């Protein structure tokens, strides 16, 4: 899980100064995040076709359209 693991291991060690600064900001945000197991996971996506469902056809159409640019 990204929140409980060390993100440094997920990136190439030769980061630019800007990338290192952005990673530091992400790390600070993650440290401030508290997960609550009792709360229900809700996902808001334009590709949702109902609770817990994803409209893969819409994603496929989007990917095909982006490849034709």
N, C-alpha and C. Protein backbone atom coordinates (compact mmCIF):
# COMPACT_ATOMS: atom_id res chain seq x y z
N UNK A 1 0.84 -1.17 0.00
CA UNK A 1 0.00 0.00 0.00
C UNK A 1 0.89 1.24 0.00
N UNK A 2 0.58 2.17 -0.86
CA UNK A 2 1.42 3.36 -1.03
C UNK A 2 1.50 4.21 0.22
N UNK A 3 0.44 4.24 1.00
CA UNK A 3 0.43 5.11 2.17
C UNK A 3 1.35 4.57 3.27
N UNK A 4 1.39 3.27 3.43
CA UNK A 4 2.20 2.71 4.52
C UNK A 4 3.61 2.35 4.09
N UNK A 5 3.89 2.35 2.78
CA UNK A 5 5.24 2.00 2.33
C UNK A 5 6.06 3.25 2.06
N UNK A 6 7.32 3.06 1.89
CA UNK A 6 8.22 4.18 1.60
C UNK A 6 8.19 4.45 0.10
N UNK A 7 7.70 5.61 -0.31
CA UNK A 7 7.58 5.92 -1.73
C UNK A 7 8.93 6.06 -2.43
N UNK A 8 9.96 6.30 -1.69
CA UNK A 8 11.28 6.46 -2.30
C UNK A 8 11.67 5.24 -3.12
N UNK A 9 11.24 4.06 -2.70
CA UNK A 9 11.60 2.82 -3.40
C UNK A 9 10.87 2.68 -4.74
N UNK A 10 9.85 3.48 -4.98
CA UNK A 10 9.06 3.36 -6.19
C UNK A 10 9.57 4.25 -7.32
N UNK A 11 10.57 5.07 -7.07
CA UNK A 11 11.05 6.01 -8.07
C UNK A 11 12.51 5.79 -8.39
N UNK A 12 12.89 6.18 -9.59
CA UNK A 12 14.29 6.12 -10.00
C UNK A 12 15.08 7.10 -9.16
N UNK A 13 16.28 6.71 -8.77
CA UNK A 13 17.04 7.53 -7.84
C UNK A 13 17.53 8.84 -8.44
N UNK A 14 17.53 9.00 -9.73
CA UNK A 14 18.02 10.23 -10.37
C UNK A 14 16.87 11.18 -10.68
N UNK A 15 16.25 11.68 -9.66
CA UNK A 15 15.15 12.62 -9.85
C UNK A 15 15.70 14.03 -10.00
N UNK A 16 14.96 14.83 -10.75
CA UNK A 16 15.32 16.24 -10.85
C UNK A 16 14.99 16.90 -9.52
N UNK A 17 15.49 18.09 -9.32
CA UNK A 17 15.21 18.82 -8.08
C UNK A 17 13.72 19.07 -7.94
N UNK A 18 13.06 19.38 -9.05
CA UNK A 18 11.62 19.63 -9.01
C UNK A 18 10.86 18.35 -8.64
N UNK A 19 11.28 17.21 -9.21
CA UNK A 19 10.61 15.95 -8.90
C UNK A 19 10.81 15.59 -7.43
N UNK A 20 12.00 15.82 -6.91
CA UNK A 20 12.27 15.54 -5.50
C UNK A 20 11.42 16.43 -4.60
N UNK A 21 11.25 17.68 -4.98
CA UNK A 21 10.42 18.60 -4.20
C UNK A 21 8.96 18.16 -4.24
N UNK A 22 8.48 17.75 -5.41
CA UNK A 22 7.10 17.29 -5.55
C UNK A 22 6.88 16.01 -4.75
N UNK A 23 7.86 15.12 -4.75
CA UNK A 23 7.75 13.90 -3.96
C UNK A 23 7.69 14.23 -2.47
N UNK A 24 8.45 15.22 -2.06
CA UNK A 24 8.39 15.66 -0.67
C UNK A 24 7.00 16.17 -0.31
N UNK A 25 6.38 16.91 -1.22
CA UNK A 25 5.03 17.41 -0.98
C UNK A 25 4.03 16.26 -0.89
N UNK A 26 4.16 15.28 -1.78
CA UNK A 26 3.27 14.12 -1.74
C UNK A 26 3.45 13.36 -0.43
N UNK A 27 4.70 13.20 -0.02
CA UNK A 27 4.98 12.49 1.22
C UNK A 27 4.34 13.21 2.42
N UNK A 28 4.41 14.55 2.43
CA UNK A 28 3.79 15.32 3.51
C UNK A 28 2.26 15.12 3.51
N UNK A 29 1.65 15.12 2.33
CA UNK A 29 0.20 14.90 2.23
C UNK A 29 -0.19 13.52 2.74
N UNK A 30 0.61 12.53 2.39
CA UNK A 30 0.31 11.16 2.82
C UNK A 30 0.43 11.05 4.33
N UNK A 31 1.43 11.71 4.91
CA UNK A 31 1.59 11.66 6.36
C UNK A 31 0.40 12.30 7.08
N UNK A 32 -0.26 13.25 6.44
CA UNK A 32 -1.40 13.93 7.04
C UNK A 32 -2.71 13.19 6.81
N UNK A 33 -2.68 12.12 6.02
CA UNK A 33 -3.88 11.38 5.67
C UNK A 33 -4.16 10.27 6.67
N UNK A 34 -5.38 10.21 7.13
CA UNK A 34 -5.81 9.16 8.05
C UNK A 34 -6.92 8.36 7.37
N UNK A 35 -6.70 7.07 7.24
CA UNK A 35 -7.73 6.20 6.67
C UNK A 35 -8.62 5.68 7.77
N UNK A 36 -9.89 5.61 7.48
CA UNK A 36 -10.85 5.09 8.43
C UNK A 36 -11.47 3.84 7.83
N UNK A 37 -11.21 2.71 8.44
CA UNK A 37 -11.73 1.45 7.91
C UNK A 37 -13.25 1.36 8.01
N UNK A 38 -13.82 2.07 8.95
CA UNK A 38 -15.27 1.99 9.15
C UNK A 38 -16.04 2.73 8.06
N UNK A 39 -15.39 3.66 7.36
CA UNK A 39 -16.12 4.41 6.34
C UNK A 39 -16.15 3.64 5.03
N UNK A 40 -17.22 3.82 4.30
CA UNK A 40 -17.40 3.14 3.03
C UNK A 40 -16.56 3.83 1.96
N UNK A 41 -15.95 3.04 1.11
CA UNK A 41 -15.14 3.56 0.01
C UNK A 41 -16.06 4.01 -1.11
N UNK A 42 -16.05 5.30 -1.41
CA UNK A 42 -16.86 5.79 -2.51
C UNK A 42 -15.93 6.31 -3.60
N UNK A 43 -16.25 5.99 -4.79
CA UNK A 43 -15.42 6.40 -5.92
C UNK A 43 -16.28 7.21 -6.89
N UNK A 44 -15.79 8.37 -7.21
CA UNK A 44 -16.49 9.23 -8.15
C UNK A 44 -15.73 9.22 -9.45
N UNK A 45 -16.35 8.68 -10.48
CA UNK A 45 -15.69 8.58 -11.77
C UNK A 45 -16.71 8.77 -12.88
N UNK A 46 -16.31 9.46 -13.93
CA UNK A 46 -17.23 9.57 -15.07
C UNK A 46 -17.42 8.22 -15.75
N UNK A 47 -16.60 7.24 -15.39
CA UNK A 47 -16.69 5.91 -15.99
C UNK A 47 -17.44 4.92 -15.10
N UNK A 48 -18.06 5.41 -14.05
CA UNK A 48 -18.82 4.55 -13.17
C UNK A 48 -20.18 4.26 -13.79
N UNK A 49 -20.55 2.98 -13.76
CA UNK A 49 -21.87 2.61 -14.28
C UNK A 49 -22.77 2.13 -13.16
N UNK A 50 -22.43 2.48 -11.95
CA UNK A 50 -23.21 2.11 -10.78
C UNK A 50 -22.27 1.84 -9.62
N UNK A 51 -22.83 1.62 -8.46
CA UNK A 51 -21.98 1.37 -7.28
C UNK A 51 -21.06 0.16 -7.50
N UNK A 52 -19.76 0.41 -7.44
CA UNK A 52 -18.78 -0.66 -7.58
C UNK A 52 -18.59 -1.17 -8.99
N UNK A 53 -19.10 -0.45 -9.99
CA UNK A 53 -19.02 -0.92 -11.38
C UNK A 53 -18.35 0.14 -12.24
N UNK A 54 -17.58 -0.32 -13.22
CA UNK A 54 -16.91 0.59 -14.15
C UNK A 54 -17.39 0.29 -15.55
N UNK A 55 -17.65 1.34 -16.30
CA UNK A 55 -18.08 1.21 -17.70
C UNK A 55 -16.84 1.10 -18.57
N UNK A 56 -16.37 -0.11 -18.81
CA UNK A 56 -15.14 -0.31 -19.57
C UNK A 56 -15.30 0.08 -21.03
N UNK A 57 -16.51 0.02 -21.55
CA UNK A 57 -16.74 0.43 -22.94
C UNK A 57 -16.43 1.91 -23.13
N UNK A 58 -16.81 2.73 -22.15
CA UNK A 58 -16.53 4.17 -22.23
C UNK A 58 -15.03 4.42 -22.16
N UNK A 59 -14.33 3.68 -21.33
CA UNK A 59 -12.88 3.84 -21.23
C UNK A 59 -12.22 3.43 -22.54
N UNK A 60 -12.66 2.33 -23.12
CA UNK A 60 -12.11 1.86 -24.39
C UNK A 60 -12.32 2.90 -25.49
N UNK A 61 -13.52 3.47 -25.56
CA UNK A 61 -13.81 4.49 -26.58
C UNK A 61 -12.92 5.70 -26.40
N UNK A 62 -12.70 6.13 -25.16
CA UNK A 62 -11.83 7.26 -24.88
C UNK A 62 -10.40 6.97 -25.32
N UNK A 63 -9.90 5.79 -24.99
CA UNK A 63 -8.54 5.43 -25.37
C UNK A 63 -8.38 5.35 -26.88
N UNK A 64 -9.37 4.81 -27.57
CA UNK A 64 -9.33 4.75 -29.04
C UNK A 64 -9.33 6.15 -29.63
N UNK A 65 -10.17 7.03 -29.09
CA UNK A 65 -10.27 8.40 -29.61
C UNK A 65 -8.96 9.16 -29.38
N UNK A 66 -8.31 8.93 -28.25
CA UNK A 66 -7.05 9.63 -27.96
C UNK A 66 -5.96 9.14 -28.90
N UNK A 67 -6.01 7.89 -29.31
CA UNK A 67 -5.00 7.34 -30.21
C UNK A 67 -5.14 7.83 -31.65
N UNK A 68 -6.29 8.43 -31.98
CA UNK A 68 -6.53 8.90 -33.34
C UNK A 68 -6.17 10.35 -33.53
N UNK A 69 -5.67 11.02 -32.49
CA UNK A 69 -5.32 12.44 -32.60
C UNK A 69 -4.09 12.63 -33.42
